[in-house]
Amino acid sequence: MLSPRRIERMLRSAVADGRAAGVSAVVWQGGAERYFGAFGLADVEAKRPMARNTLARIWSMTKPVASVALMRLWDAGRFRLDDPIALYLPEFKSMRVHADDGRGERPAERPILVSDVLRHTSGLTYAMEDGPADRAFRAANPLETSRDLAAFSRAVAALPLRHEPGTAWHYGTSTDIVARLVEVLGDEPFNAHVRRHILQPLGMKETDWTQPEARKDRLAATYRLPEGAPPQREPDVPFTFASGGAGLIGPIDDYLRFARMLLGEGELDGVRVLRPATVKVMLVDHLDPATSPRHFLKSPGLGFGFGGSVRIAPTTADEPASAVGEFSWGGAASTLFWVDPANRLAVVFFAQKLPFDEALHREVRRAVYG
C-alpha cells in the first residue's frame, strides 16, 4: 500500500545524510495526486529551498519526449518503423562498423532503421566505453562542435558504428537522430515542433530547452557531493542546440503531466497526443531476446520500448522495486520517472546530483512500493 509517510522519510533522509542537496517527488495514482514533497536546497549558496516550482535539468528524461514527438508523426503516417533512416537522412546511406571484435572497420551489414534509433539498437554511441567507435566519437566531439541537429546528424553519420545495426543495445546518440527525424518529417525545427505538439497542448507551460531571465532564480543548481566535503557546484553549461537526447528544463508538475499522458494512453484532460494503440507500442519491449550485449541494461527482467526501459518480468531480490509493464527512464543528474499502468501509478523524482546516483532511485522505488 502506498504510504506518503514512508516516501517522506526517504526524501528527508537523502538530504539529511548528505546524499543530495535537494530532492522532490510527486506520486499520482488512481486519478489523483497521492503525494508531493520537497526537501533540502535547490541552491546551496543562495540557501534557496527545493520547492514545487523549482526548475530542474532533466537530461535524458528528454528522450521519452522526443520519442513521443516522432511517434506522433508515425500516427500521421509519415514513415514506417522499418524504414531505413537514410530515406529521410541521406547521410546515413553507407554506414560503417568498427566493433570491439578485432575485425576492423567494415561496411554495415544492414541499414539503420527508424525502430533502431527509437530503441538504441542503431550502433550509435555516447563514447561511454573505450572501443574504436567510442574513441572516434570522442575525437570528433559532435555534441560540442555541431551548431544544430542537421550538422550533428551529418557528423555522427561520418563516424563508425559501435556494432551492427539491430544486433545489440547500446545507449548513445540515437535519440538525437530521432529529433532530427522529427525536424525532417515534421517540416519545422525540433524544439518548435515539440512546443507546438507536446508541451503546449499538455500544459507543460514552463518546460523548454532554455529559460527566460525571469525564471532563472527558480533554477536548481547541480552538485557533486564528495563524502566528507562541501557540495561542489557544477558550472551551468548551455547546450549548443535543442537536443532530443537531453536538455529540457522544467518543474516537476510539468513532467508529471507528460507521465500522466502516457498513463492515460495518450490523452490528458481531453487533449490527445497519441493514439492508445501507439502508446501501447511504445510501452512494450522491442528487443529481440537474442539482442546482446545490452550495455548497462543488464537485468533479464528489463527490456526497452521506444524511449524508455520496460519491465518484462518480476523483480528479483537484488533489484529495485518495480512492476511488470512499467515504463521508465532517468536523467544524468539523478532524476527519474516511471509509469506503472498495472497500478495506475505515475512517479516523478527530482534531484540535481552528479554523477548519476542509482542508489537514490532504488530508495525512491522502495519507498513507493514498500
Protein backbone atom coordinates (compact mmCIF):
# COMPACT_ATOMS: atom_id res chain seq x y z
CA MET A 1 0.00 0.00 0.00
CA LEU A 2 1.28 3.46 -0.90
CA SER A 3 2.48 5.33 2.20
CA PRO A 4 3.12 9.10 1.98
CA ARG A 5 4.90 8.91 5.34
CA ARG A 6 7.33 6.29 4.05
CA ILE A 7 8.11 8.37 0.94
CA GLU A 8 8.66 11.46 3.04
CA ARG A 9 11.06 9.65 5.37
CA MET A 10 13.13 8.55 2.39
CA LEU A 11 13.32 12.05 0.88
CA ARG A 12 14.21 13.68 4.19
CA SER A 13 16.93 11.11 4.87
CA ALA A 14 18.52 11.61 1.44
CA VAL A 15 19.08 15.28 2.33
CA ALA A 16 19.92 14.72 6.00
CA ASP A 17 22.54 12.10 5.11
CA GLY A 18 24.20 14.40 2.58
CA ARG A 19 23.37 12.24 -0.42
CA ALA A 20 21.52 15.07 -2.18
CA ALA A 21 21.40 18.83 -1.69
CA GLY A 22 17.69 18.90 -2.52
CA VAL A 23 15.05 16.43 -3.64
CA SER A 24 11.39 16.39 -4.61
CA ALA A 25 8.90 13.74 -5.64
CA VAL A 26 5.31 13.61 -6.81
CA VAL A 27 3.13 10.50 -6.95
CA TRP A 28 -0.09 10.21 -8.94
CA GLN A 29 -2.28 7.15 -8.55
CA GLY A 30 -5.82 6.22 -9.45
CA GLY A 31 -6.64 9.60 -10.92
CA ALA A 32 -5.40 11.75 -8.02
CA GLU A 33 -2.21 13.10 -6.50
CA ARG A 34 -1.25 10.90 -3.60
CA TYR A 35 1.96 12.61 -2.50
CA PHE A 36 4.19 15.61 -3.07
CA GLY A 37 7.23 16.60 -1.05
CA ALA A 38 10.31 18.79 -1.49
CA PHE A 39 13.25 18.91 0.92
CA GLY A 40 16.70 20.45 1.11
CA LEU A 41 18.14 23.18 -1.07
CA ALA A 42 17.84 23.86 -4.78
CA ASP A 43 20.74 26.32 -4.44
CA VAL A 44 23.11 25.79 -1.53
CA GLU A 45 25.00 29.06 -1.94
CA ALA A 46 21.81 31.14 -2.09
CA LYS A 47 20.14 28.99 0.61
CA ARG A 48 17.13 28.67 -1.70
CA PRO A 49 14.92 25.70 -0.76
CA MET A 50 13.81 22.98 -3.12
CA ALA A 51 10.19 23.79 -3.97
CA ARG A 52 7.33 22.66 -6.13
CA ASN A 53 8.12 25.29 -8.77
CA THR A 54 11.89 24.62 -8.80
CA LEU A 55 13.19 24.20 -12.35
CA ALA A 56 15.44 21.19 -12.85
CA ARG A 57 17.56 19.88 -15.69
CA ILE A 58 16.06 16.54 -16.63
CA TRP A 59 18.83 15.49 -19.04
CA SER A 60 17.92 12.13 -20.60
CA MET A 61 14.29 12.32 -19.46
CA THR A 62 14.13 14.46 -22.61
CA LYS A 63 14.38 11.20 -24.60
CA PRO A 64 10.82 9.96 -23.94
CA VAL A 65 9.51 13.39 -25.01
CA ALA A 66 11.46 13.24 -28.28
CA SER A 67 10.26 9.69 -28.86
CA VAL A 68 6.64 10.75 -28.39
CA ALA A 69 7.20 13.54 -30.92
CA LEU A 70 8.36 11.03 -33.54
CA MET A 71 5.58 8.57 -32.75
CA ARG A 72 3.02 11.34 -33.33
CA LEU A 73 4.35 11.51 -36.87
CA TRP A 74 4.04 7.72 -37.13
CA ASP A 75 0.39 8.14 -36.13
CA ALA A 76 0.09 10.58 -39.04
CA GLY A 77 1.52 8.02 -41.49
CA ARG A 78 4.71 9.96 -42.23
CA PHE A 79 7.00 6.90 -42.02
CA ARG A 80 7.20 3.19 -41.25
CA LEU A 81 9.10 1.83 -38.29
CA ASP A 82 11.12 -0.47 -40.55
CA ASP A 83 12.12 2.35 -42.92
CA PRO A 84 15.88 2.91 -43.20
CA ILE A 85 16.61 6.32 -41.70
CA ALA A 86 18.62 7.08 -44.86
CA LEU A 87 15.29 7.56 -46.68
CA TYR A 88 14.97 10.80 -44.71
CA LEU A 89 18.59 11.45 -43.67
CA PRO A 90 20.74 10.54 -46.72
CA GLU A 91 23.97 10.95 -44.76
CA PHE A 92 23.26 7.53 -43.18
CA LYS A 93 23.16 5.70 -46.51
CA SER A 94 26.56 3.94 -46.32
CA MET A 95 27.39 3.27 -42.68
CA ARG A 96 30.48 1.51 -41.41
CA VAL A 97 31.01 -0.53 -38.26
CA HIS A 98 34.10 -0.73 -36.03
CA ALA A 99 33.20 -3.13 -33.24
CA ASP A 100 35.37 -4.47 -30.40
CA ASP A 101 35.79 -7.78 -32.21
CA GLY A 102 39.18 -7.46 -33.88
CA ARG A 103 37.68 -7.48 -37.37
CA GLY A 104 38.50 -3.84 -38.06
CA GLU A 105 36.26 -1.33 -39.79
CA ARG A 106 33.87 -2.63 -42.45
CA PRO A 107 30.58 -1.77 -44.19
CA ALA A 108 27.45 -2.30 -42.06
CA GLU A 109 25.54 -5.45 -42.96
CA ARG A 110 22.18 -3.69 -42.97
CA PRO A 111 20.91 -0.10 -42.75
CA ILE A 112 19.87 1.64 -39.53
CA LEU A 113 16.06 1.53 -39.27
CA VAL A 114 13.79 4.08 -37.60
CA SER A 115 13.00 1.44 -34.98
CA ASP A 116 16.73 1.15 -34.23
CA VAL A 117 17.09 4.80 -33.21
CA LEU A 118 13.90 4.58 -31.11
CA ARG A 119 15.23 1.57 -29.16
CA HIS A 120 19.03 2.21 -29.10
CA THR A 121 19.97 -0.66 -31.40
CA SER A 122 21.46 1.62 -34.08
CA GLY A 123 25.11 1.23 -33.10
CA LEU A 124 25.44 4.96 -32.35
CA THR A 125 27.43 5.70 -29.21
CA TYR A 126 27.92 8.23 -26.40
CA ALA A 127 31.54 7.05 -26.04
CA MET A 128 30.86 5.72 -22.54
CA GLU A 129 33.31 2.86 -23.17
CA ASP A 130 36.65 2.65 -24.95
CA GLY A 131 36.22 0.78 -28.21
CA PRO A 132 37.35 2.09 -31.60
CA ALA A 133 33.96 3.71 -32.32
CA ASP A 134 33.98 5.39 -28.88
CA ARG A 135 37.43 6.82 -29.50
CA ALA A 136 36.36 8.13 -32.91
CA PHE A 137 33.33 9.79 -31.33
CA ARG A 138 35.42 11.46 -28.62
CA ALA A 139 37.89 12.75 -31.19
CA ALA A 140 35.11 14.25 -33.35
CA ASN A 141 33.15 15.56 -30.32
CA PRO A 142 29.97 16.19 -32.36
CA LEU A 143 27.81 17.21 -29.40
CA GLU A 144 30.13 20.16 -28.75
CA THR A 145 31.15 21.07 -32.28
CA SER A 146 27.82 20.84 -34.15
CA ARG A 147 25.82 24.06 -34.49
CA ASP A 148 22.43 22.35 -34.91
CA LEU A 149 20.74 18.96 -35.27
CA ALA A 150 21.35 18.83 -39.03
CA ALA A 151 25.09 19.31 -38.56
CA PHE A 152 25.12 16.84 -35.68
CA SER A 153 23.37 14.21 -37.82
CA ARG A 154 25.94 14.61 -40.58
CA ALA A 155 28.80 14.46 -38.07
CA VAL A 156 27.72 11.20 -36.40
CA ALA A 157 26.86 9.61 -39.76
CA ALA A 158 30.51 10.08 -40.74
CA LEU A 159 31.67 8.04 -37.72
CA PRO A 160 31.80 4.24 -37.40
CA LEU A 161 29.04 2.41 -35.53
CA ARG A 162 29.86 0.51 -32.36
CA HIS A 163 28.02 -2.61 -33.51
CA GLU A 164 25.98 -3.92 -36.43
CA PRO A 165 22.53 -2.26 -36.51
CA GLY A 166 19.89 -4.30 -34.71
CA THR A 167 22.26 -6.74 -33.01
CA ALA A 168 22.95 -5.10 -29.63
CA TRP A 169 21.52 -2.49 -27.24
CA HIS A 170 23.93 0.37 -26.71
CA TYR A 171 23.00 3.70 -25.14
CA GLY A 172 24.05 6.55 -27.38
CA THR A 173 23.01 9.44 -29.58
CA SER A 174 20.12 7.57 -31.21
CA THR A 175 17.50 9.90 -29.74
CA ASP A 176 19.26 12.95 -31.16
CA ILE A 177 18.72 11.33 -34.54
CA VAL A 178 15.08 10.76 -33.53
CA ALA A 179 14.93 14.54 -33.04
CA ARG A 180 16.46 15.18 -36.45
CA LEU A 181 13.86 12.85 -38.00
CA VAL A 182 11.15 14.91 -36.28
CA GLU A 183 12.55 18.04 -37.94
CA VAL A 184 12.64 16.49 -41.40
CA LEU A 185 9.32 14.63 -41.21
CA GLY A 186 7.56 17.42 -39.32
CA ASP A 187 8.88 20.25 -41.55
CA GLU A 188 9.91 22.52 -38.65
CA PRO A 189 12.70 22.83 -36.08
CA PHE A 190 12.60 20.08 -33.47
CA ASN A 191 12.14 22.37 -30.46
CA ALA A 192 9.33 24.31 -32.18
CA HIS A 193 7.61 21.06 -33.10
CA VAL A 194 7.81 19.73 -29.53
CA ARG A 195 6.49 23.00 -28.11
CA ARG A 196 3.55 23.09 -30.54
CA HIS A 197 2.53 19.44 -30.38
CA ILE A 198 3.50 18.25 -26.89
CA LEU A 199 4.49 20.92 -24.36
CA GLN A 200 1.77 23.46 -25.09
CA PRO A 201 -1.14 21.02 -25.60
CA LEU A 202 -0.27 19.18 -22.38
CA GLY A 203 0.01 22.41 -20.37
CA MET A 204 3.74 21.93 -19.73
CA LYS A 205 3.99 25.71 -19.67
CA GLU A 206 7.43 26.14 -18.15
CA THR A 207 9.38 23.30 -19.79
CA ASP A 208 11.85 24.14 -22.56
CA TRP A 209 15.50 23.88 -23.56
CA THR A 210 16.07 27.49 -22.46
CA GLN A 211 14.52 29.53 -19.67
CA PRO A 212 13.73 33.27 -19.60
CA GLU A 213 15.69 35.51 -17.28
CA ALA A 214 12.61 35.97 -15.09
CA ARG A 215 12.73 32.28 -14.10
CA LYS A 216 16.47 31.95 -13.52
CA ASP A 217 16.12 32.38 -9.75
CA ARG A 218 14.00 29.20 -9.69
CA LEU A 219 16.63 27.02 -11.40
CA ALA A 220 18.21 24.33 -9.23
CA ALA A 221 21.97 24.10 -9.20
CA THR A 222 23.67 20.77 -9.85
CA TYR A 223 26.12 19.42 -7.29
CA ARG A 224 28.72 16.77 -6.75
CA LEU A 225 28.65 15.58 -3.15
CA PRO A 226 32.01 14.06 -2.17
CA GLU A 227 31.86 12.28 1.18
CA GLY A 228 33.11 14.45 4.00
CA ALA A 229 33.44 17.57 1.83
CA PRO A 230 31.18 20.51 0.99
CA PRO A 231 28.92 20.25 -2.08
CA GLN A 232 30.75 21.10 -5.30
CA ARG A 233 28.62 23.20 -7.62
CA GLU A 234 28.73 22.27 -11.30
CA PRO A 235 29.01 25.12 -13.83
CA ASP A 236 25.90 25.87 -15.89
CA VAL A 237 26.91 24.98 -19.45
CA PRO A 238 24.18 25.69 -22.04
CA PHE A 239 23.51 23.25 -24.86
CA THR A 240 24.57 24.38 -28.33
CA PHE A 241 21.28 23.23 -29.86
CA ALA A 242 17.94 21.78 -28.77
CA SER A 243 18.72 18.09 -28.48
CA GLY A 244 16.48 15.01 -28.44
CA GLY A 245 18.80 13.22 -26.05
CA ALA A 246 18.93 15.82 -23.27
CA GLY A 247 18.43 19.46 -22.42
CA LEU A 248 14.87 20.07 -21.27
CA ILE A 249 14.46 22.13 -18.09
CA GLY A 250 11.20 22.38 -16.20
CA PRO A 251 9.25 21.97 -12.95
CA ILE A 252 8.20 18.61 -11.57
CA ASP A 253 4.49 19.17 -12.23
CA ASP A 254 5.13 19.68 -15.94
CA TYR A 255 6.83 16.31 -16.27
CA LEU A 256 4.07 14.71 -14.24
CA ARG A 257 1.64 15.90 -16.91
CA PHE A 258 3.75 14.15 -19.55
CA ALA A 259 3.81 10.95 -17.45
CA ARG A 260 0.05 11.15 -16.88
CA MET A 261 -0.47 11.44 -20.63
CA LEU A 262 1.35 8.13 -21.09
CA LEU A 263 -0.63 6.62 -18.21
CA GLY A 264 -3.80 7.87 -19.93
CA GLU A 265 -2.86 6.04 -23.13
CA GLY A 266 -2.01 9.23 -24.99
CA GLU A 267 -4.62 11.58 -23.55
CA LEU A 268 -4.67 14.11 -20.71
CA ASP A 269 -7.53 16.40 -19.72
CA GLY A 270 -9.28 15.91 -23.05
CA VAL A 271 -6.13 16.55 -25.13
CA ARG A 272 -4.97 13.59 -27.22
CA VAL A 273 -1.29 13.45 -28.15
CA LEU A 274 -1.05 9.82 -29.31
CA ARG A 275 -3.47 7.06 -30.21
CA PRO A 276 -3.93 4.49 -27.40
CA ALA A 277 -2.53 1.79 -29.69
CA THR A 278 0.59 3.87 -30.31
CA VAL A 279 1.26 4.30 -26.58
CA LYS A 280 0.96 0.54 -26.22
CA VAL A 281 3.54 0.13 -28.99
CA MET A 282 5.92 2.48 -27.16
CA LEU A 283 5.49 0.83 -23.78
CA VAL A 284 6.32 -2.76 -24.78
CA ASP A 285 9.71 -4.43 -25.12
CA HIS A 286 11.17 -4.12 -28.64
CA LEU A 287 14.40 -6.05 -28.03
CA ASP A 288 14.79 -9.48 -29.53
CA PRO A 289 15.73 -11.97 -26.78
CA ALA A 290 18.96 -12.62 -28.71
CA THR A 291 19.96 -8.94 -28.53
CA SER A 292 23.36 -8.95 -26.84
CA PRO A 293 25.29 -7.27 -25.37
CA ARG A 294 22.96 -4.80 -23.67
CA HIS A 295 25.41 -2.20 -22.34
CA PHE A 296 24.13 -1.24 -18.86
CA LEU A 297 20.62 -2.69 -19.37
CA LYS A 298 21.77 -5.86 -17.63
CA SER A 299 18.67 -7.17 -15.83
CA PRO A 300 16.95 -10.09 -17.60
CA GLY A 301 13.69 -8.58 -16.37
CA LEU A 302 14.22 -5.35 -18.29
CA GLY A 303 13.58 -4.69 -21.95
CA PHE A 304 13.42 -1.45 -23.87
CA GLY A 305 10.47 0.16 -25.61
CA PHE A 306 10.54 3.35 -27.64
CA GLY A 307 12.14 5.96 -25.39
CA GLY A 308 12.43 4.10 -22.10
CA SER A 309 13.01 0.80 -20.31
CA VAL A 310 10.17 -1.69 -19.88
CA ARG A 311 9.82 -4.15 -17.02
CA ILE A 312 9.07 -7.54 -18.63
CA ALA A 313 9.47 -9.89 -15.64
CA PRO A 314 9.06 -9.57 -11.86
CA THR A 315 11.99 -8.11 -9.96
CA THR A 316 14.47 -10.36 -8.19
CA ALA A 317 15.51 -9.85 -4.56
CA ASP A 318 18.52 -7.70 -5.52
CA GLU A 319 16.65 -5.43 -7.97
CA PRO A 320 14.87 -2.12 -7.30
CA ALA A 321 11.13 -2.43 -6.68
CA SER A 322 9.12 -2.34 -9.89
CA ALA A 323 6.00 -3.77 -11.55
CA VAL A 324 5.69 -5.75 -14.77
CA GLY A 325 4.63 -3.39 -17.58
CA GLU A 326 6.35 -0.36 -16.06
CA PHE A 327 7.89 2.19 -18.46
CA SER A 328 10.73 4.28 -17.00
CA TRP A 329 13.80 6.40 -17.59
CA GLY A 330 16.12 8.71 -15.67
CA GLY A 331 18.46 11.61 -16.24
CA ALA A 332 22.18 12.16 -15.69
CA ALA A 333 21.62 14.44 -12.68
CA SER A 334 19.75 11.59 -10.89
CA THR A 335 16.20 12.48 -11.97
CA LEU A 336 13.74 9.60 -12.52
CA PHE A 337 10.21 8.92 -13.72
CA TRP A 338 8.10 5.87 -14.24
CA VAL A 339 4.61 4.95 -15.37
CA ASP A 340 3.07 1.78 -13.92
CA PRO A 341 -0.18 1.01 -15.78
CA ALA A 342 -0.99 -2.07 -13.67
CA ASN A 343 -1.14 0.08 -10.52
CA ARG A 344 -2.46 3.22 -12.30
CA LEU A 345 0.64 4.98 -10.99
CA ALA A 346 2.97 7.73 -12.21
CA VAL A 347 6.01 8.96 -10.25
CA VAL A 348 8.48 11.78 -10.89
CA PHE A 349 11.58 12.24 -8.74
CA PHE A 350 13.89 15.24 -8.97
CA ALA A 351 17.43 15.65 -7.69
CA GLN A 352 20.31 17.57 -9.25
CA LYS A 353 23.25 15.38 -8.33
CA LEU A 354 26.24 14.17 -10.34
CA PRO A 355 27.31 11.55 -11.00
CA PHE A 356 24.08 9.64 -11.61
CA ASP A 357 23.02 8.02 -8.32
CA GLU A 358 21.25 4.71 -8.87
CA ALA A 359 21.05 4.16 -5.10
CA LEU A 360 18.68 7.12 -4.79
CA HIS A 361 16.46 5.57 -7.44
CA ARG A 362 16.39 2.27 -5.56
CA GLU A 363 15.34 4.07 -2.40
CA VAL A 364 12.58 6.05 -4.12
CA ARG A 365 11.18 2.86 -5.63
CA ARG A 366 11.33 1.07 -2.28
CA ALA A 367 9.57 3.99 -0.62
CA VAL A 368 6.77 3.99 -3.19
CA TYR A 369 6.18 0.25 -3.34
CA GLY A 370 7.00 -0.63 0.28
